[in-house]
């Protein structure tokens, strides 16, 4: 089930509209190599790279990533699962999942 199918249309809020717009498009395939870069993930979420780096440090976000030396990379399938699991009804925290 994709995120778009999980959003309750009767509780349309600004957060739900934002999440719904993200749900309409899948996590992108990496441009070069097997993993997404911080820049590619930031572009997907329409946030700055510093926001992605802050999410990595935020234990509540539990953003899945790997470190290769000084480089941070993301598996597209893991990110899609993270979006599906945590953005249900606009929530990014595990404790808020319904």
N, C-alpha and C. Protein backbone atom coordinates (compact mmCIF):
# COMPACT_ATOMS: atom_id res chain seq x y z
N UNK A 1 0.85 -1.18 0.00
CA UNK A 1 0.00 0.00 0.00
C UNK A 1 0.89 1.24 0.00
N UNK A 2 0.61 2.17 -0.86
CA UNK A 2 1.38 3.40 -0.89
C UNK A 2 0.77 4.42 0.05
N UNK A 3 1.57 5.39 0.41
CA UNK A 3 1.15 6.39 1.38
C UNK A 3 -0.14 7.08 0.97
N UNK A 4 -0.30 7.36 -0.31
CA UNK A 4 -1.49 8.06 -0.80
C UNK A 4 -2.76 7.33 -0.36
N UNK A 5 -2.75 5.99 -0.35
CA UNK A 5 -3.92 5.20 0.02
C UNK A 5 -4.21 5.25 1.52
N UNK A 6 -3.21 5.62 2.33
CA UNK A 6 -3.36 5.61 3.78
C UNK A 6 -3.98 6.89 4.34
N UNK A 7 -3.96 7.97 3.57
CA UNK A 7 -4.39 9.26 4.10
C UNK A 7 -5.91 9.35 4.10
N UNK A 8 -6.45 9.74 5.23
CA UNK A 8 -7.89 9.86 5.40
C UNK A 8 -8.36 11.15 4.72
N UNK A 9 -9.12 11.03 3.67
CA UNK A 9 -9.55 12.21 2.91
C UNK A 9 -10.50 13.10 3.69
N UNK A 10 -11.15 12.57 4.72
CA UNK A 10 -12.08 13.39 5.50
C UNK A 10 -11.35 14.31 6.46
N UNK A 11 -10.10 14.04 6.76
CA UNK A 11 -9.34 14.87 7.69
C UNK A 11 -8.27 15.63 6.93
N UNK A 12 -8.68 16.29 5.85
CA UNK A 12 -7.76 17.04 5.01
C UNK A 12 -7.21 18.23 5.80
N UNK A 13 -5.92 18.21 6.06
CA UNK A 13 -5.24 19.30 6.75
C UNK A 13 -4.08 19.74 5.88
N UNK A 14 -3.44 20.82 6.28
CA UNK A 14 -2.26 21.28 5.54
C UNK A 14 -1.19 20.20 5.51
N UNK A 15 -0.98 19.53 6.63
CA UNK A 15 0.01 18.45 6.69
C UNK A 15 -0.39 17.34 5.74
N UNK A 16 -1.65 16.94 5.76
CA UNK A 16 -2.10 15.87 4.87
C UNK A 16 -1.93 16.25 3.40
N UNK A 17 -2.19 17.52 3.06
CA UNK A 17 -2.01 17.96 1.68
C UNK A 17 -0.54 17.84 1.29
N UNK A 18 0.36 18.23 2.20
CA UNK A 18 1.79 18.13 1.91
C UNK A 18 2.20 16.67 1.76
N UNK A 19 1.74 15.83 2.66
CA UNK A 19 2.07 14.40 2.60
C UNK A 19 1.48 13.79 1.35
N UNK A 20 0.25 14.16 1.02
CA UNK A 20 -0.40 13.63 -0.18
C UNK A 20 0.41 13.99 -1.43
N UNK A 21 0.95 15.20 -1.48
CA UNK A 21 1.73 15.59 -2.66
C UNK A 21 2.99 14.74 -2.76
N UNK A 22 3.60 14.39 -1.64
CA UNK A 22 4.77 13.52 -1.66
C UNK A 22 4.39 12.10 -2.04
N UNK A 23 3.21 11.67 -1.61
CA UNK A 23 2.78 10.30 -1.85
C UNK A 23 2.49 10.04 -3.32
N UNK A 24 2.26 11.09 -4.09
CA UNK A 24 1.94 10.93 -5.51
C UNK A 24 3.14 10.52 -6.33
N UNK A 25 4.31 10.66 -5.78
CA UNK A 25 5.50 10.30 -6.54
C UNK A 25 6.38 9.38 -5.70
N UNK A 26 6.91 8.36 -6.32
CA UNK A 26 7.76 7.43 -5.58
C UNK A 26 9.12 8.06 -5.28
N UNK A 27 9.82 7.49 -4.31
CA UNK A 27 11.18 7.91 -4.03
C UNK A 27 11.99 7.72 -5.31
N UNK A 28 12.79 8.69 -5.68
CA UNK A 28 13.51 8.59 -6.95
C UNK A 28 14.59 7.52 -6.94
N UNK A 29 14.93 7.06 -8.12
CA UNK A 29 16.07 6.16 -8.26
C UNK A 29 17.34 7.01 -8.18
N UNK A 30 18.40 6.49 -7.60
CA UNK A 30 19.64 7.24 -7.53
C UNK A 30 20.17 7.59 -8.92
N UNK A 31 20.69 8.79 -9.07
CA UNK A 31 21.22 9.22 -10.36
C UNK A 31 22.51 8.48 -10.71
N UNK A 32 23.38 8.34 -9.74
CA UNK A 32 24.67 7.67 -9.96
C UNK A 32 24.89 6.65 -8.86
N UNK A 33 24.99 5.39 -9.21
CA UNK A 33 25.25 4.37 -8.21
C UNK A 33 23.98 3.75 -7.66
N UNK A 34 24.11 3.11 -6.53
CA UNK A 34 23.00 2.36 -5.95
C UNK A 34 22.26 3.09 -4.85
N UNK A 35 22.80 4.20 -4.39
CA UNK A 35 22.22 4.88 -3.25
C UNK A 35 21.95 6.35 -3.54
N UNK A 36 20.95 6.91 -2.83
CA UNK A 36 20.64 8.33 -2.94
C UNK A 36 21.63 9.15 -2.12
N UNK A 37 21.95 10.32 -2.59
CA UNK A 37 22.80 11.25 -1.84
C UNK A 37 21.91 12.13 -0.96
N UNK A 38 22.54 12.87 -0.07
CA UNK A 38 21.81 13.83 0.76
C UNK A 38 21.10 14.84 -0.14
N UNK A 39 21.78 15.30 -1.18
CA UNK A 39 21.18 16.29 -2.10
C UNK A 39 19.97 15.72 -2.82
N UNK A 40 20.04 14.47 -3.28
CA UNK A 40 18.91 13.85 -3.97
C UNK A 40 17.72 13.67 -3.04
N UNK A 41 17.98 13.26 -1.80
CA UNK A 41 16.89 13.08 -0.85
C UNK A 41 16.27 14.43 -0.46
N UNK A 42 17.11 15.44 -0.29
CA UNK A 42 16.61 16.78 0.01
C UNK A 42 15.72 17.29 -1.12
N UNK A 43 16.12 17.04 -2.35
CA UNK A 43 15.31 17.46 -3.49
C UNK A 43 13.96 16.75 -3.49
N UNK A 44 13.97 15.46 -3.18
CA UNK A 44 12.72 14.70 -3.14
C UNK A 44 11.76 15.26 -2.09
N UNK A 45 12.28 15.53 -0.89
CA UNK A 45 11.43 16.04 0.19
C UNK A 45 11.19 17.55 0.10
N UNK A 46 11.84 18.21 -0.84
CA UNK A 46 11.74 19.66 -1.03
C UNK A 46 12.13 20.38 0.27
N UNK A 47 13.29 19.98 0.78
CA UNK A 47 13.88 20.61 1.97
C UNK A 47 15.36 20.82 1.67
N UNK A 48 16.02 21.55 2.54
CA UNK A 48 17.45 21.76 2.38
C UNK A 48 18.26 20.55 2.85
N UNK A 49 19.49 20.50 2.40
CA UNK A 49 20.37 19.40 2.81
C UNK A 49 20.60 19.41 4.32
N UNK A 50 20.63 20.58 4.92
CA UNK A 50 20.81 20.65 6.38
C UNK A 50 19.63 20.04 7.12
N UNK A 51 18.44 20.11 6.55
CA UNK A 51 17.27 19.46 7.16
C UNK A 51 17.45 17.96 7.15
N UNK A 52 17.92 17.41 6.05
CA UNK A 52 18.17 15.97 5.98
C UNK A 52 19.21 15.58 7.02
N UNK A 53 20.27 16.36 7.14
CA UNK A 53 21.32 16.07 8.14
C UNK A 53 20.76 16.16 9.56
N UNK A 54 19.85 17.08 9.80
CA UNK A 54 19.22 17.20 11.12
C UNK A 54 18.32 15.99 11.38
N UNK A 55 17.61 15.52 10.37
CA UNK A 55 16.76 14.33 10.53
C UNK A 55 17.59 13.11 10.89
N UNK A 56 18.80 13.02 10.32
CA UNK A 56 19.69 11.90 10.64
C UNK A 56 20.04 11.90 12.12
N UNK A 57 20.26 13.07 12.68
CA UNK A 57 20.63 13.19 14.09
C UNK A 57 19.44 13.05 15.03
N UNK A 58 18.23 13.22 14.53
CA UNK A 58 17.01 13.18 15.35
C UNK A 58 16.56 11.72 15.51
N UNK A 59 16.72 11.17 16.71
CA UNK A 59 16.34 9.78 16.96
C UNK A 59 14.86 9.52 16.71
N UNK A 60 14.01 10.51 16.92
CA UNK A 60 12.57 10.33 16.69
C UNK A 60 12.25 10.12 15.21
N UNK A 61 13.05 10.69 14.34
CA UNK A 61 12.81 10.54 12.90
C UNK A 61 13.18 9.15 12.42
N UNK A 62 14.23 8.56 12.97
CA UNK A 62 14.69 7.22 12.61
C UNK A 62 14.87 7.08 11.09
N UNK A 63 15.48 8.08 10.48
CA UNK A 63 15.71 8.06 9.04
C UNK A 63 16.80 7.03 8.72
N UNK A 64 16.49 6.04 7.89
CA UNK A 64 17.49 5.00 7.59
C UNK A 64 18.56 5.51 6.63
N UNK A 65 19.81 5.33 7.02
CA UNK A 65 20.93 5.78 6.20
C UNK A 65 22.15 4.93 6.47
N UNK A 66 23.12 5.06 5.61
CA UNK A 66 24.40 4.41 5.81
C UNK A 66 25.52 5.40 5.60
N UNK A 67 26.64 5.15 6.24
CA UNK A 67 27.80 6.01 6.10
C UNK A 67 28.90 5.24 5.39
N UNK A 68 29.44 5.84 4.37
CA UNK A 68 30.55 5.28 3.63
C UNK A 68 31.68 6.29 3.75
N UNK A 69 32.54 6.10 4.75
CA UNK A 69 33.55 7.12 5.06
C UNK A 69 32.83 8.35 5.56
N UNK A 70 33.07 9.48 4.92
CA UNK A 70 32.39 10.72 5.32
C UNK A 70 31.10 10.95 4.55
N UNK A 71 30.75 10.05 3.65
CA UNK A 71 29.58 10.21 2.80
C UNK A 71 28.37 9.51 3.39
N UNK A 72 27.23 10.18 3.37
CA UNK A 72 25.96 9.62 3.84
C UNK A 72 25.16 9.21 2.60
N UNK A 73 24.60 8.01 2.64
CA UNK A 73 23.81 7.53 1.51
C UNK A 73 22.53 6.87 2.03
N UNK A 74 21.52 6.82 1.14
CA UNK A 74 20.21 6.30 1.49
C UNK A 74 19.78 5.27 0.45
N UNK A 75 19.23 4.16 0.91
CA UNK A 75 18.67 3.15 0.02
C UNK A 75 17.24 3.59 -0.33
N UNK A 76 16.94 3.68 -1.60
CA UNK A 76 15.63 4.18 -2.04
C UNK A 76 14.48 3.34 -1.50
N UNK A 77 14.64 2.01 -1.47
CA UNK A 77 13.57 1.13 -0.96
C UNK A 77 13.35 1.35 0.53
N UNK A 78 14.42 1.55 1.29
CA UNK A 78 14.28 1.80 2.73
C UNK A 78 13.62 3.14 2.99
N UNK A 79 13.96 4.14 2.19
CA UNK A 79 13.33 5.45 2.35
C UNK A 79 11.85 5.37 2.01
N UNK A 80 11.49 4.64 0.94
CA UNK A 80 10.07 4.49 0.60
C UNK A 80 9.32 3.82 1.74
N UNK A 81 9.91 2.80 2.35
CA UNK A 81 9.27 2.13 3.49
C UNK A 81 9.15 3.08 4.68
N UNK A 82 10.18 3.87 4.91
CA UNK A 82 10.17 4.85 6.00
C UNK A 82 9.03 5.85 5.79
N UNK A 83 8.89 6.33 4.57
CA UNK A 83 7.80 7.27 4.26
C UNK A 83 6.46 6.60 4.51
N UNK A 84 6.27 5.39 4.00
CA UNK A 84 5.00 4.68 4.17
C UNK A 84 4.69 4.43 5.63
N UNK A 85 5.68 4.07 6.42
CA UNK A 85 5.48 3.74 7.84
C UNK A 85 5.25 4.97 8.71
N UNK A 86 5.99 6.02 8.47
CA UNK A 86 6.01 7.12 9.41
C UNK A 86 5.22 8.35 9.01
N UNK A 87 4.82 8.46 7.78
CA UNK A 87 4.11 9.64 7.36
C UNK A 87 2.61 9.40 7.29
N UNK A 88 2.16 8.31 7.84
CA UNK A 88 0.72 8.02 7.91
C UNK A 88 0.04 9.12 8.71
N UNK A 89 -0.94 9.74 8.14
CA UNK A 89 -1.68 10.85 8.77
C UNK A 89 -0.78 12.01 9.16
N UNK A 90 0.32 12.19 8.44
CA UNK A 90 1.18 13.35 8.67
C UNK A 90 2.14 13.21 9.82
N UNK A 91 2.29 12.03 10.41
CA UNK A 91 3.16 11.86 11.55
C UNK A 91 4.51 11.29 11.13
N UNK A 92 5.59 11.83 11.68
CA UNK A 92 6.90 11.26 11.42
C UNK A 92 7.45 10.53 12.64
N UNK A 93 6.71 10.50 13.71
CA UNK A 93 7.21 9.86 14.94
C UNK A 93 6.54 8.50 15.10
N UNK A 94 7.36 7.51 15.50
CA UNK A 94 6.85 6.17 15.73
C UNK A 94 5.72 6.16 16.75
N UNK A 95 5.85 6.96 17.82
CA UNK A 95 4.84 6.94 18.88
C UNK A 95 3.50 7.49 18.43
N UNK A 96 3.48 8.23 17.31
CA UNK A 96 2.24 8.81 16.81
C UNK A 96 1.53 7.92 15.79
N UNK A 97 2.16 6.78 15.45
CA UNK A 97 1.57 5.91 14.43
C UNK A 97 0.24 5.36 14.92
N UNK A 98 -0.70 5.28 13.98
CA UNK A 98 -2.03 4.80 14.36
C UNK A 98 -2.39 3.49 13.77
